[in-house]
């Protein structure tokens, strides 16, 4: 497993997973945009994979605790029907939380557990300005505008473009704060 702490980060257009968080570990992502619109071949994997085990060279399952995987004020979206896989071996620890995030998942993906999904926007287009020209800033009609948790926004008040995310009605989801024309 690994330890990753990331904020104001854009993960975009990966031919496979944008983040394969395998064999357990501890991960924190705040105000990150995972936007996977890969168009150079057929992408067969979702943007995010979380798991807590691996199969060793002898074919035995080795449990590796997923101690923490937090996605706070994030956007996880792309051109696949399901952009998240949760691959849990029930013999191990599997702790994750999507907190005030926009996610794209299959319709049967349950977000009912409030300890794992808090104020999640499910399957709504974030309305990036133009993901096919690599512009992942939010359009004026984006549902992600002002939808972030204020406490997280205060921890990371400056976005990826050096804009203040605390100067309007609330922090936007993802790495980019929408700044209206003055």
N, C-alpha and C. Protein backbone atom coordinates (compact mmCIF):
# COMPACT_ATOMS: atom_id res chain seq x y z
N UNK A 1 0.83 -1.19 0.00
CA UNK A 1 0.00 0.00 0.00
C UNK A 1 0.86 1.24 0.00
N UNK A 2 0.23 2.34 -0.21
CA UNK A 2 0.91 3.62 -0.30
C UNK A 2 0.20 4.65 0.55
N UNK A 3 0.82 5.80 0.66
CA UNK A 3 0.20 6.96 1.29
C UNK A 3 0.24 8.10 0.28
N UNK A 4 -0.93 8.67 -0.01
CA UNK A 4 -1.02 9.78 -0.94
C UNK A 4 -1.88 10.85 -0.31
N UNK A 5 -1.41 12.08 -0.37
CA UNK A 5 -2.20 13.26 0.01
C UNK A 5 -2.13 14.21 -1.18
N UNK A 6 -3.29 14.50 -1.78
CA UNK A 6 -3.33 15.36 -2.96
C UNK A 6 -4.46 16.36 -2.83
N UNK A 7 -4.22 17.57 -3.30
CA UNK A 7 -5.27 18.58 -3.36
C UNK A 7 -5.01 19.47 -4.56
N UNK A 8 -6.10 20.08 -5.07
CA UNK A 8 -6.00 20.95 -6.25
C UNK A 8 -5.29 20.24 -7.39
N UNK A 9 -5.64 19.00 -7.62
CA UNK A 9 -4.95 18.21 -8.62
C UNK A 9 -5.93 17.76 -9.70
N UNK A 10 -5.46 17.79 -10.94
CA UNK A 10 -6.23 17.32 -12.08
C UNK A 10 -5.62 16.02 -12.57
N UNK A 11 -6.45 14.97 -12.63
CA UNK A 11 -6.08 13.69 -13.21
C UNK A 11 -6.96 13.54 -14.44
N UNK A 12 -6.37 13.57 -15.63
CA UNK A 12 -7.22 13.64 -16.82
C UNK A 12 -6.72 12.74 -17.95
N UNK A 13 -7.71 12.19 -18.67
CA UNK A 13 -7.52 11.49 -19.93
C UNK A 13 -6.44 10.42 -19.88
N UNK A 14 -6.64 9.49 -18.98
CA UNK A 14 -5.74 8.36 -18.83
C UNK A 14 -6.27 7.21 -19.68
N UNK A 15 -5.40 6.47 -20.30
CA UNK A 15 -5.82 5.34 -21.12
C UNK A 15 -6.43 4.22 -20.31
N UNK A 16 -6.14 4.21 -19.01
CA UNK A 16 -6.71 3.23 -18.10
C UNK A 16 -7.19 3.97 -16.86
N UNK A 17 -6.90 3.41 -15.68
CA UNK A 17 -7.29 4.06 -14.43
C UNK A 17 -6.60 5.42 -14.30
N UNK A 18 -7.31 6.40 -13.77
CA UNK A 18 -6.66 7.66 -13.40
C UNK A 18 -5.96 7.48 -12.06
N UNK A 19 -6.55 6.65 -11.19
CA UNK A 19 -5.94 6.31 -9.90
C UNK A 19 -6.33 4.89 -9.54
N UNK A 20 -5.36 3.99 -9.58
CA UNK A 20 -5.57 2.60 -9.14
C UNK A 20 -4.94 2.48 -7.77
N UNK A 21 -5.77 2.59 -6.75
CA UNK A 21 -5.32 2.58 -5.36
C UNK A 21 -5.43 1.16 -4.85
N UNK A 22 -4.42 0.38 -5.17
CA UNK A 22 -4.47 -1.05 -4.93
C UNK A 22 -3.59 -1.44 -3.74
N UNK A 23 -3.80 -2.59 -3.28
CA UNK A 23 -3.16 -3.23 -2.13
C UNK A 23 -3.17 -2.36 -0.88
N UNK A 24 -4.33 -1.76 -0.63
CA UNK A 24 -4.52 -1.02 0.61
C UNK A 24 -3.83 0.33 0.61
N UNK A 25 -3.64 0.87 1.81
CA UNK A 25 -2.95 2.15 1.95
C UNK A 25 -3.80 3.21 2.60
N UNK A 26 -3.32 4.44 2.48
CA UNK A 26 -3.99 5.60 3.05
C UNK A 26 -3.96 6.73 2.02
N UNK A 27 -5.15 7.22 1.64
CA UNK A 27 -5.25 8.18 0.56
C UNK A 27 -6.19 9.31 0.94
N UNK A 28 -5.78 10.53 0.63
CA UNK A 28 -6.64 11.70 0.85
C UNK A 28 -6.58 12.56 -0.40
N UNK A 29 -7.73 12.81 -1.00
CA UNK A 29 -7.85 13.67 -2.17
C UNK A 29 -8.87 14.76 -1.85
N UNK A 30 -8.44 16.00 -1.94
CA UNK A 30 -9.31 17.14 -1.67
C UNK A 30 -9.28 18.09 -2.87
N UNK A 31 -10.45 18.52 -3.28
CA UNK A 31 -10.57 19.43 -4.42
C UNK A 31 -9.77 18.91 -5.61
N UNK A 32 -9.98 17.65 -5.93
CA UNK A 32 -9.33 17.05 -7.10
C UNK A 32 -10.38 16.77 -8.17
N UNK A 33 -9.95 16.87 -9.41
CA UNK A 33 -10.79 16.54 -10.56
C UNK A 33 -10.20 15.33 -11.26
N UNK A 34 -10.99 14.26 -11.31
CA UNK A 34 -10.65 13.06 -12.06
C UNK A 34 -11.58 13.08 -13.28
N UNK A 35 -11.04 13.43 -14.44
CA UNK A 35 -11.85 13.58 -15.65
C UNK A 35 -11.24 12.70 -16.73
N UNK A 36 -11.92 11.62 -17.04
CA UNK A 36 -11.33 10.63 -17.94
C UNK A 36 -12.15 10.53 -19.22
N UNK A 37 -11.71 11.26 -20.23
CA UNK A 37 -12.37 11.27 -21.53
C UNK A 37 -11.41 10.76 -22.61
N UNK A 38 -10.61 9.76 -22.26
CA UNK A 38 -9.63 9.17 -23.17
C UNK A 38 -10.30 8.82 -24.50
N UNK A 39 -9.71 9.26 -25.62
CA UNK A 39 -10.33 9.03 -26.90
C UNK A 39 -9.43 8.40 -27.94
N UNK A 40 -8.26 7.91 -27.52
CA UNK A 40 -7.31 7.38 -28.50
C UNK A 40 -7.45 5.88 -28.72
N UNK A 41 -8.20 5.22 -27.86
CA UNK A 41 -8.52 3.80 -27.99
C UNK A 41 -9.68 3.54 -27.04
N UNK A 42 -10.11 2.30 -26.96
CA UNK A 42 -11.21 1.98 -26.07
C UNK A 42 -10.68 1.78 -24.65
N UNK A 43 -11.14 2.60 -23.75
CA UNK A 43 -10.74 2.48 -22.34
C UNK A 43 -11.64 1.45 -21.69
N UNK A 44 -11.04 0.47 -21.03
CA UNK A 44 -11.81 -0.61 -20.42
C UNK A 44 -11.91 -0.49 -18.91
N UNK A 45 -11.20 0.44 -18.32
CA UNK A 45 -11.18 0.57 -16.86
C UNK A 45 -11.85 1.87 -16.44
N UNK A 46 -12.38 1.91 -15.22
CA UNK A 46 -12.93 3.16 -14.70
C UNK A 46 -11.81 4.11 -14.28
N UNK A 47 -12.18 5.28 -13.86
CA UNK A 47 -11.18 6.25 -13.41
C UNK A 47 -10.54 5.85 -12.08
N UNK A 48 -11.35 5.33 -11.15
CA UNK A 48 -10.88 5.03 -9.80
C UNK A 48 -11.06 3.55 -9.49
N UNK A 49 -10.02 2.93 -8.94
CA UNK A 49 -10.09 1.57 -8.41
C UNK A 49 -9.57 1.60 -6.98
N UNK A 50 -10.38 1.11 -6.05
CA UNK A 50 -9.95 0.94 -4.65
C UNK A 50 -10.01 -0.54 -4.33
N UNK A 51 -8.93 -1.07 -3.72
CA UNK A 51 -9.02 -2.43 -3.21
C UNK A 51 -8.12 -2.61 -1.99
N UNK A 52 -8.22 -3.78 -1.36
CA UNK A 52 -7.50 -4.04 -0.11
C UNK A 52 -6.84 -5.42 -0.10
N UNK A 53 -6.38 -5.87 -1.25
CA UNK A 53 -5.73 -7.18 -1.32
C UNK A 53 -4.97 -7.31 -2.63
N UNK A 54 -4.18 -8.36 -2.72
CA UNK A 54 -3.60 -8.75 -3.99
C UNK A 54 -3.40 -10.26 -4.01
N UNK A 55 -3.22 -10.80 -5.18
CA UNK A 55 -2.95 -12.23 -5.35
C UNK A 55 -1.45 -12.38 -5.57
N UNK A 56 -0.80 -13.14 -4.70
CA UNK A 56 0.66 -13.28 -4.80
C UNK A 56 1.04 -14.28 -5.89
N UNK A 57 2.33 -14.51 -6.07
CA UNK A 57 2.81 -15.36 -7.16
C UNK A 57 2.42 -16.83 -6.98
N UNK A 58 1.97 -17.19 -5.78
CA UNK A 58 1.53 -18.57 -5.51
C UNK A 58 0.01 -18.72 -5.63
N UNK A 59 -0.67 -17.63 -6.01
CA UNK A 59 -2.11 -17.67 -6.15
C UNK A 59 -2.86 -17.46 -4.84
N UNK A 60 -2.14 -17.10 -3.79
CA UNK A 60 -2.77 -16.86 -2.49
C UNK A 60 -3.18 -15.39 -2.36
N UNK A 61 -4.29 -15.17 -1.70
CA UNK A 61 -4.77 -13.81 -1.47
C UNK A 61 -4.05 -13.21 -0.27
N UNK A 62 -3.47 -12.05 -0.47
CA UNK A 62 -2.80 -11.31 0.59
C UNK A 62 -3.62 -10.07 0.92
N UNK A 63 -4.07 -9.98 2.16
CA UNK A 63 -4.90 -8.84 2.60
C UNK A 63 -3.99 -7.66 2.92
N UNK A 64 -4.36 -6.48 2.41
CA UNK A 64 -3.66 -5.23 2.70
C UNK A 64 -4.72 -4.20 3.06
N UNK A 65 -4.71 -3.73 4.25
CA UNK A 65 -5.76 -2.82 4.75
C UNK A 65 -5.84 -1.53 3.94
N UNK A 66 -7.07 -1.19 3.56
CA UNK A 66 -7.33 0.15 3.04
C UNK A 66 -7.73 0.97 4.26
N UNK A 67 -6.73 1.58 4.88
CA UNK A 67 -6.95 2.30 6.13
C UNK A 67 -7.82 3.54 5.94
N UNK A 68 -7.62 4.20 4.78
CA UNK A 68 -8.37 5.43 4.53
C UNK A 68 -8.28 5.79 3.06
N UNK A 69 -9.41 6.11 2.48
CA UNK A 69 -9.47 6.69 1.14
C UNK A 69 -10.57 7.73 1.18
N UNK A 70 -10.17 8.98 1.21
CA UNK A 70 -11.12 10.09 1.32
C UNK A 70 -11.08 10.91 0.03
N UNK A 71 -12.26 11.17 -0.51
CA UNK A 71 -12.42 12.04 -1.66
C UNK A 71 -13.33 13.17 -1.20
N UNK A 72 -12.76 14.31 -0.87
CA UNK A 72 -13.52 15.45 -0.36
C UNK A 72 -13.56 16.58 -1.36
N UNK A 73 -14.76 17.03 -1.69
CA UNK A 73 -14.98 18.11 -2.66
C UNK A 73 -14.36 17.78 -4.01
N UNK A 74 -14.49 16.53 -4.44
CA UNK A 74 -13.89 16.07 -5.69
C UNK A 74 -14.94 15.85 -6.77
N UNK A 75 -14.46 15.75 -8.00
CA UNK A 75 -15.26 15.35 -9.15
C UNK A 75 -14.60 14.11 -9.74
N UNK A 76 -15.40 13.06 -9.93
CA UNK A 76 -14.94 11.84 -10.59
C UNK A 76 -15.92 11.56 -11.72
N UNK A 77 -15.49 11.85 -12.94
CA UNK A 77 -16.40 11.80 -14.08
C UNK A 77 -15.63 11.41 -15.33
N UNK A 78 -16.33 10.87 -16.31
CA UNK A 78 -15.70 10.50 -17.56
C UNK A 78 -16.70 9.95 -18.54
N UNK A 79 -16.19 9.32 -19.60
CA UNK A 79 -17.08 8.84 -20.66
C UNK A 79 -17.47 7.37 -20.52
N UNK A 80 -17.20 6.76 -19.38
CA UNK A 80 -17.67 5.40 -19.11
C UNK A 80 -18.91 5.48 -18.22
N UNK A 81 -19.73 4.43 -18.26
CA UNK A 81 -20.94 4.41 -17.43
C UNK A 81 -20.60 4.39 -15.94
N UNK A 82 -19.53 3.70 -15.58
CA UNK A 82 -19.12 3.57 -14.18
C UNK A 82 -17.66 3.97 -14.06
N UNK A 83 -17.37 5.01 -13.30
CA UNK A 83 -16.01 5.52 -13.15
C UNK A 83 -15.37 5.14 -11.82
N UNK A 84 -16.03 4.27 -11.03
CA UNK A 84 -15.47 3.85 -9.74
C UNK A 84 -15.70 2.36 -9.55
N UNK A 85 -14.65 1.65 -9.14
CA UNK A 85 -14.79 0.26 -8.72
C UNK A 85 -14.29 0.15 -7.29
N UNK A 86 -15.13 -0.42 -6.43
CA UNK A 86 -14.77 -0.71 -5.04
C UNK A 86 -14.61 -2.22 -4.94
N UNK A 87 -13.38 -2.68 -4.82
CA UNK A 87 -13.07 -4.12 -4.83
C UNK A 87 -12.62 -4.53 -3.43
N UNK A 88 -13.59 -4.90 -2.61
CA UNK A 88 -13.37 -5.15 -1.19
C UNK A 88 -13.26 -6.65 -0.90
N UNK A 89 -12.16 -7.06 -0.28
CA UNK A 89 -12.08 -8.39 0.29
C UNK A 89 -12.55 -8.25 1.73
N UNK A 90 -13.65 -8.88 2.08
CA UNK A 90 -14.27 -8.68 3.38
C UNK A 90 -13.43 -9.18 4.55
N UNK A 91 -12.33 -9.86 4.27
CA UNK A 91 -11.42 -10.29 5.35
C UNK A 91 -10.53 -9.16 5.85
N UNK A 92 -10.52 -8.04 5.13
CA UNK A 92 -9.63 -6.93 5.50
C UNK A 92 -10.37 -5.64 5.75
N UNK A 93 -9.63 -4.64 6.16
CA UNK A 93 -10.16 -3.30 6.40
C UNK A 93 -10.36 -2.60 5.06
N UNK A 94 -11.50 -1.93 4.91
CA UNK A 94 -11.83 -1.25 3.66
C UNK A 94 -12.56 0.04 3.99
N UNK A 95 -11.81 1.07 4.37
CA UNK A 95 -12.38 2.35 4.79
C UNK A 95 -12.27 3.37 3.67
N UNK A 96 -13.40 3.89 3.25
CA UNK A 96 -13.40 4.94 2.24
C UNK A 96 -14.57 5.88 2.49
N UNK A 97 -14.44 7.10 1.95
CA UNK A 97 -15.53 8.07 2.05
C UNK A 97 -15.47 9.05 0.89
N UNK A 98 -16.63 9.26 0.28
CA UNK A 98 -16.81 10.30 -0.71
C UNK A 98 -17.62 11.39 -0.02
N UNK A 99 -17.01 12.53 0.21
CA UNK A 99 -17.58 13.61 1.01
C UNK A 99 -17.79 14.84 0.13
N UNK A 100 -19.03 15.20 -0.10
CA UNK A 100 -19.34 16.35 -0.94
C UNK A 100 -18.60 16.23 -2.28
N UNK A 101 -18.88 15.18 -3.00
CA UNK A 101 -18.23 14.94 -4.28
C UNK A 101 -19.26 14.57 -5.34
N UNK A 102 -18.89 14.82 -6.59
CA UNK A 102 -19.71 14.44 -7.73
C UNK A 102 -19.06 13.19 -8.31
N UNK A 103 -19.85 12.11 -8.44
CA UNK A 103 -19.31 10.85 -8.95
C UNK A 103 -20.20 10.31 -10.06
N UNK A 104 -19.57 9.62 -11.00
CA UNK A 104 -20.32 8.94 -12.06
C UNK A 104 -20.16 7.44 -11.84
N UNK A 105 -21.29 6.79 -11.58
CA UNK A 105 -21.30 5.36 -11.29
C UNK A 105 -22.51 4.72 -11.96
N UNK A 106 -22.51 3.39 -12.04
CA UNK A 106 -23.66 2.71 -12.62
C UNK A 106 -24.89 2.94 -11.75
N UNK A 107 -26.05 2.81 -12.34
CA UNK A 107 -27.30 3.08 -11.62
C UNK A 107 -27.48 2.19 -10.39
N UNK A 108 -26.95 0.96 -10.43
CA UNK A 108 -27.11 0.05 -9.29
C UNK A 108 -26.04 0.23 -8.21
N UNK A 109 -25.14 1.18 -8.38
CA UNK A 109 -24.11 1.49 -7.39
C UNK A 109 -24.78 2.21 -6.22
N UNK A 110 -24.74 1.62 -5.05
CA UNK A 110 -25.43 2.20 -3.90
C UNK A 110 -24.57 3.27 -3.20
N UNK A 111 -25.20 4.39 -2.94
CA UNK A 111 -24.57 5.46 -2.17
C UNK A 111 -25.38 5.73 -0.90
N UNK A 112 -26.04 4.69 -0.39
CA UNK A 112 -26.95 4.83 0.74
C UNK A 112 -26.26 4.91 2.10
N UNK A 113 -25.03 4.43 2.22
CA UNK A 113 -24.35 4.41 3.51
C UNK A 113 -23.77 5.81 3.81
N UNK A 114 -24.35 6.55 4.78
CA UNK A 114 -23.90 7.92 5.05
C UNK A 114 -22.48 8.01 5.63
N UNK A 115 -21.96 6.91 6.17
CA UNK A 115 -20.58 6.96 6.66
C UNK A 115 -19.58 6.85 5.51
N UNK A 116 -20.05 6.47 4.31
CA UNK A 116 -19.18 6.35 3.15
C UNK A 116 -19.51 7.35 2.04
N UNK A 117 -20.75 7.85 2.05
CA UNK A 117 -21.19 8.79 1.01
C UNK A 117 -21.96 9.93 1.68
N UNK A 118 -21.31 11.08 1.79
CA UNK A 118 -21.93 12.25 2.42
C UNK A 118 -22.13 13.33 1.37
N UNK A 119 -23.39 13.71 1.16
CA UNK A 119 -23.74 14.76 0.18
C UNK A 119 -23.07 14.53 -1.16
N UNK A 120 -23.28 13.35 -1.71
CA UNK A 120 -22.71 12.98 -3.00
C UNK A 120 -23.71 13.33 -4.10
N UNK A 121 -23.20 13.91 -5.17
CA UNK A 121 -23.99 14.16 -6.38
C UNK A 121 -23.68 13.00 -7.31
N UNK A 122 -24.71 12.23 -7.63
CA UNK A 122 -24.53 11.00 -8.40
C UNK A 122 -25.02 11.18 -9.83
N UNK A 123 -24.12 10.94 -10.78
CA UNK A 123 -24.44 10.87 -12.20
C UNK A 123 -24.99 12.16 -12.81
N UNK A 124 -24.54 13.29 -12.30
CA UNK A 124 -24.89 14.58 -12.91
C UNK A 124 -23.66 15.09 -13.66
N UNK A 125 -23.86 15.52 -14.87
CA UNK A 125 -22.77 16.06 -15.66
C UNK A 125 -22.21 17.31 -14.98
N UNK A 126 -20.90 17.36 -14.71
CA UNK A 126 -20.34 18.55 -14.05
C UNK A 126 -20.24 19.76 -14.98
N UNK A 127 -20.49 19.55 -16.24
CA UNK A 127 -20.44 20.63 -17.25
C UNK A 127 -19.08 21.34 -17.25
N UNK A 128 -18.05 20.55 -17.58
CA UNK A 128 -16.75 21.16 -17.81
C UNK A 128 -16.86 22.06 -19.04
N UNK A 129 -16.04 23.10 -19.10
CA UNK A 129 -16.11 24.01 -20.25
C UNK A 129 -15.91 23.26 -21.56
N UNK A 130 -14.86 22.45 -21.66
CA UNK A 130 -14.64 21.65 -22.87
C UNK A 130 -13.62 20.54 -22.58
N UNK A 131 -14.09 19.40 -22.09
CA UNK A 131 -13.13 18.34 -21.73
C UNK A 131 -12.37 17.78 -22.93
N UNK A 132 -12.90 17.92 -24.13
CA UNK A 132 -12.23 17.37 -25.31
C UNK A 132 -11.10 18.26 -25.81
N UNK A 133 -11.03 19.49 -25.28
CA UNK A 133 -9.85 20.34 -25.51
C UNK A 133 -9.10 20.57 -24.20
N UNK A 134 -9.36 19.69 -23.24
CA UNK A 134 -8.63 19.65 -21.96
C UNK A 134 -8.92 20.86 -21.06
N UNK A 135 -10.12 21.43 -21.18
CA UNK A 135 -10.50 22.53 -20.30
C UNK A 135 -11.51 21.99 -19.29
N UNK A 136 -11.05 21.77 -18.05
CA UNK A 136 -11.88 21.17 -17.00
C UNK A 136 -12.38 22.19 -15.99
N UNK A 137 -12.34 23.47 -16.38
CA UNK A 137 -12.98 24.48 -15.57
C UNK A 137 -14.49 24.29 -15.69
N UNK A 138 -15.23 24.77 -14.71
CA UNK A 138 -16.68 24.57 -14.67
C UNK A 138 -17.41 25.63 -15.48
N UNK A 139 -18.44 25.21 -16.20
CA UNK A 139 -19.31 26.11 -16.91
C UNK A 139 -20.22 26.82 -15.90
N UNK A 140 -20.86 27.89 -16.33
CA UNK A 140 -21.73 28.65 -15.43
C UNK A 140 -22.90 27.82 -14.91
N UNK A 141 -23.36 26.80 -15.65
CA UNK A 141 -24.51 26.01 -15.24
C UNK A 141 -24.12 24.72 -14.51
N UNK A 142 -22.90 24.60 -14.08
CA UNK A 142 -22.44 23.37 -13.44
C UNK A 142 -23.10 23.15 -12.08
N UNK A 143 -23.55 21.92 -11.85
CA UNK A 143 -24.11 21.52 -10.56
C UNK A 143 -23.02 21.48 -9.48
N UNK A 144 -21.76 21.45 -9.90
CA UNK A 144 -20.64 21.39 -8.96
C UNK A 144 -20.31 22.76 -8.34
N UNK A 145 -20.89 23.83 -8.91
CA UNK A 145 -20.64 25.18 -8.37
C UNK A 145 -21.21 25.30 -6.96
N UNK A 146 -20.40 25.80 -6.05
CA UNK A 146 -20.80 26.09 -4.67
C UNK A 146 -21.34 24.87 -3.93
N UNK A 147 -21.03 23.65 -4.39
CA UNK A 147 -21.55 22.43 -3.77
C UNK A 147 -20.59 21.77 -2.79
N UNK A 148 -19.44 22.37 -2.61
CA UNK A 148 -18.44 21.77 -1.72
C UNK A 148 -18.71 22.02 -0.25
N UNK A 149 -18.07 21.22 0.57
CA UNK A 149 -18.14 21.37 2.02
C UNK A 149 -17.24 22.55 2.41
N UNK A 150 -17.82 23.52 3.08
CA UNK A 150 -17.08 24.74 3.41
C UNK A 150 -15.84 24.46 4.25
N UNK A 151 -15.93 23.50 5.17
CA UNK A 151 -14.78 23.18 6.02
C UNK A 151 -13.59 22.68 5.20
N UNK A 152 -13.86 21.92 4.16
CA UNK A 152 -12.77 21.47 3.28
C UNK A 152 -12.24 22.64 2.46
N UNK A 153 -13.14 23.46 1.95
CA UNK A 153 -12.72 24.64 1.19
C UNK A 153 -11.83 25.57 2.00
N UNK A 154 -12.09 25.71 3.29
CA UNK A 154 -11.26 26.57 4.13
C UNK A 154 -9.86 25.98 4.34
N UNK A 155 -9.74 24.66 4.29
CA UNK A 155 -8.42 24.03 4.42
C UNK A 155 -7.57 24.25 3.17
N UNK A 156 -8.23 24.39 2.02
CA UNK A 156 -7.56 24.56 0.73
C UNK A 156 -8.19 25.75 0.00
N UNK A 157 -7.98 26.98 0.51
CA UNK A 157 -8.73 28.14 0.02
C UNK A 157 -8.33 28.62 -1.38
N UNK A 158 -7.19 28.21 -1.88
CA UNK A 158 -6.74 28.66 -3.20
C UNK A 158 -6.77 27.48 -4.17
N UNK A 159 -7.39 27.68 -5.34
CA UNK A 159 -7.55 26.57 -6.29
C UNK A 159 -6.30 26.41 -7.16
N UNK A 160 -6.40 25.51 -8.13
CA UNK A 160 -5.28 25.17 -9.01
C UNK A 160 -4.82 26.37 -9.86
N UNK A 161 -5.72 27.35 -10.10
CA UNK A 161 -5.39 28.55 -10.87
C UNK A 161 -5.13 29.77 -9.99
N UNK A 162 -4.91 29.55 -8.72
CA UNK A 162 -4.65 30.63 -7.76
C UNK A 162 -5.88 31.50 -7.50
N UNK A 163 -7.06 30.94 -7.69
CA UNK A 163 -8.31 31.67 -7.39
C UNK A 163 -8.78 31.30 -5.99
N UNK A 164 -9.42 32.25 -5.31
CA UNK A 164 -9.90 32.05 -3.95
C UNK A 164 -11.26 31.36 -3.97
N UNK A 165 -11.34 30.17 -3.39
CA UNK A 165 -12.61 29.43 -3.39
C UNK A 165 -13.49 29.80 -2.20
N UNK A 166 -13.06 30.74 -1.37
CA UNK A 166 -13.87 31.14 -0.22
C UNK A 166 -14.53 32.51 -0.42
N UNK A 167 -14.45 33.04 -1.62
CA UNK A 167 -14.94 34.41 -1.84
C UNK A 167 -16.36 34.49 -2.38
N UNK A 168 -17.04 33.33 -2.53
CA UNK A 168 -18.42 33.38 -3.02
C UNK A 168 -19.31 32.52 -2.12
N UNK A 169 -20.39 31.97 -2.65
CA UNK A 169 -21.38 31.26 -1.83
C UNK A 169 -20.90 29.93 -1.26
N UNK A 170 -19.81 29.41 -1.77
CA UNK A 170 -19.27 28.15 -1.27
C UNK A 170 -18.22 27.62 -2.22
N UNK A 171 -17.40 26.71 -1.74
CA UNK A 171 -16.37 26.15 -2.63
C UNK A 171 -17.00 25.26 -3.69
N UNK A 172 -16.43 25.33 -4.89
CA UNK A 172 -16.86 24.45 -5.97
C UNK A 172 -16.18 23.10 -5.81
N UNK A 173 -16.79 22.07 -6.36
CA UNK A 173 -16.17 20.75 -6.37
C UNK A 173 -15.06 20.74 -7.41
N UNK A 174 -14.06 19.92 -7.17
CA UNK A 174 -12.97 19.76 -8.11
C UNK A 174 -11.84 20.75 -7.88
N UNK A 175 -10.88 20.74 -8.80
CA UNK A 175 -9.66 21.53 -8.66
C UNK A 175 -9.84 22.99 -9.06
N UNK A 176 -10.91 23.28 -9.83
CA UNK A 176 -11.10 24.63 -10.37
C UNK A 176 -12.29 25.34 -9.74
N UNK A 177 -12.07 26.51 -9.19
CA UNK A 177 -13.15 27.35 -8.68
C UNK A 177 -13.69 28.20 -9.81
N UNK A 178 -14.99 28.15 -10.02
CA UNK A 178 -15.63 28.95 -11.06
C UNK A 178 -15.65 30.39 -10.61
N UNK A 179 -15.03 31.28 -11.39
CA UNK A 179 -15.01 32.71 -11.09
C UNK A 179 -15.86 33.39 -12.16
N UNK A 180 -16.93 34.02 -11.72
CA UNK A 180 -17.82 34.71 -12.65
C UNK A 180 -17.15 36.00 -13.13
N UNK A 181 -17.46 36.40 -14.37
CA UNK A 181 -16.91 37.64 -14.93
C UNK A 181 -17.34 38.82 -14.07
N UNK A 182 -16.45 39.74 -13.90
CA UNK A 182 -16.74 40.92 -13.07
C UNK A 182 -17.29 42.03 -13.88
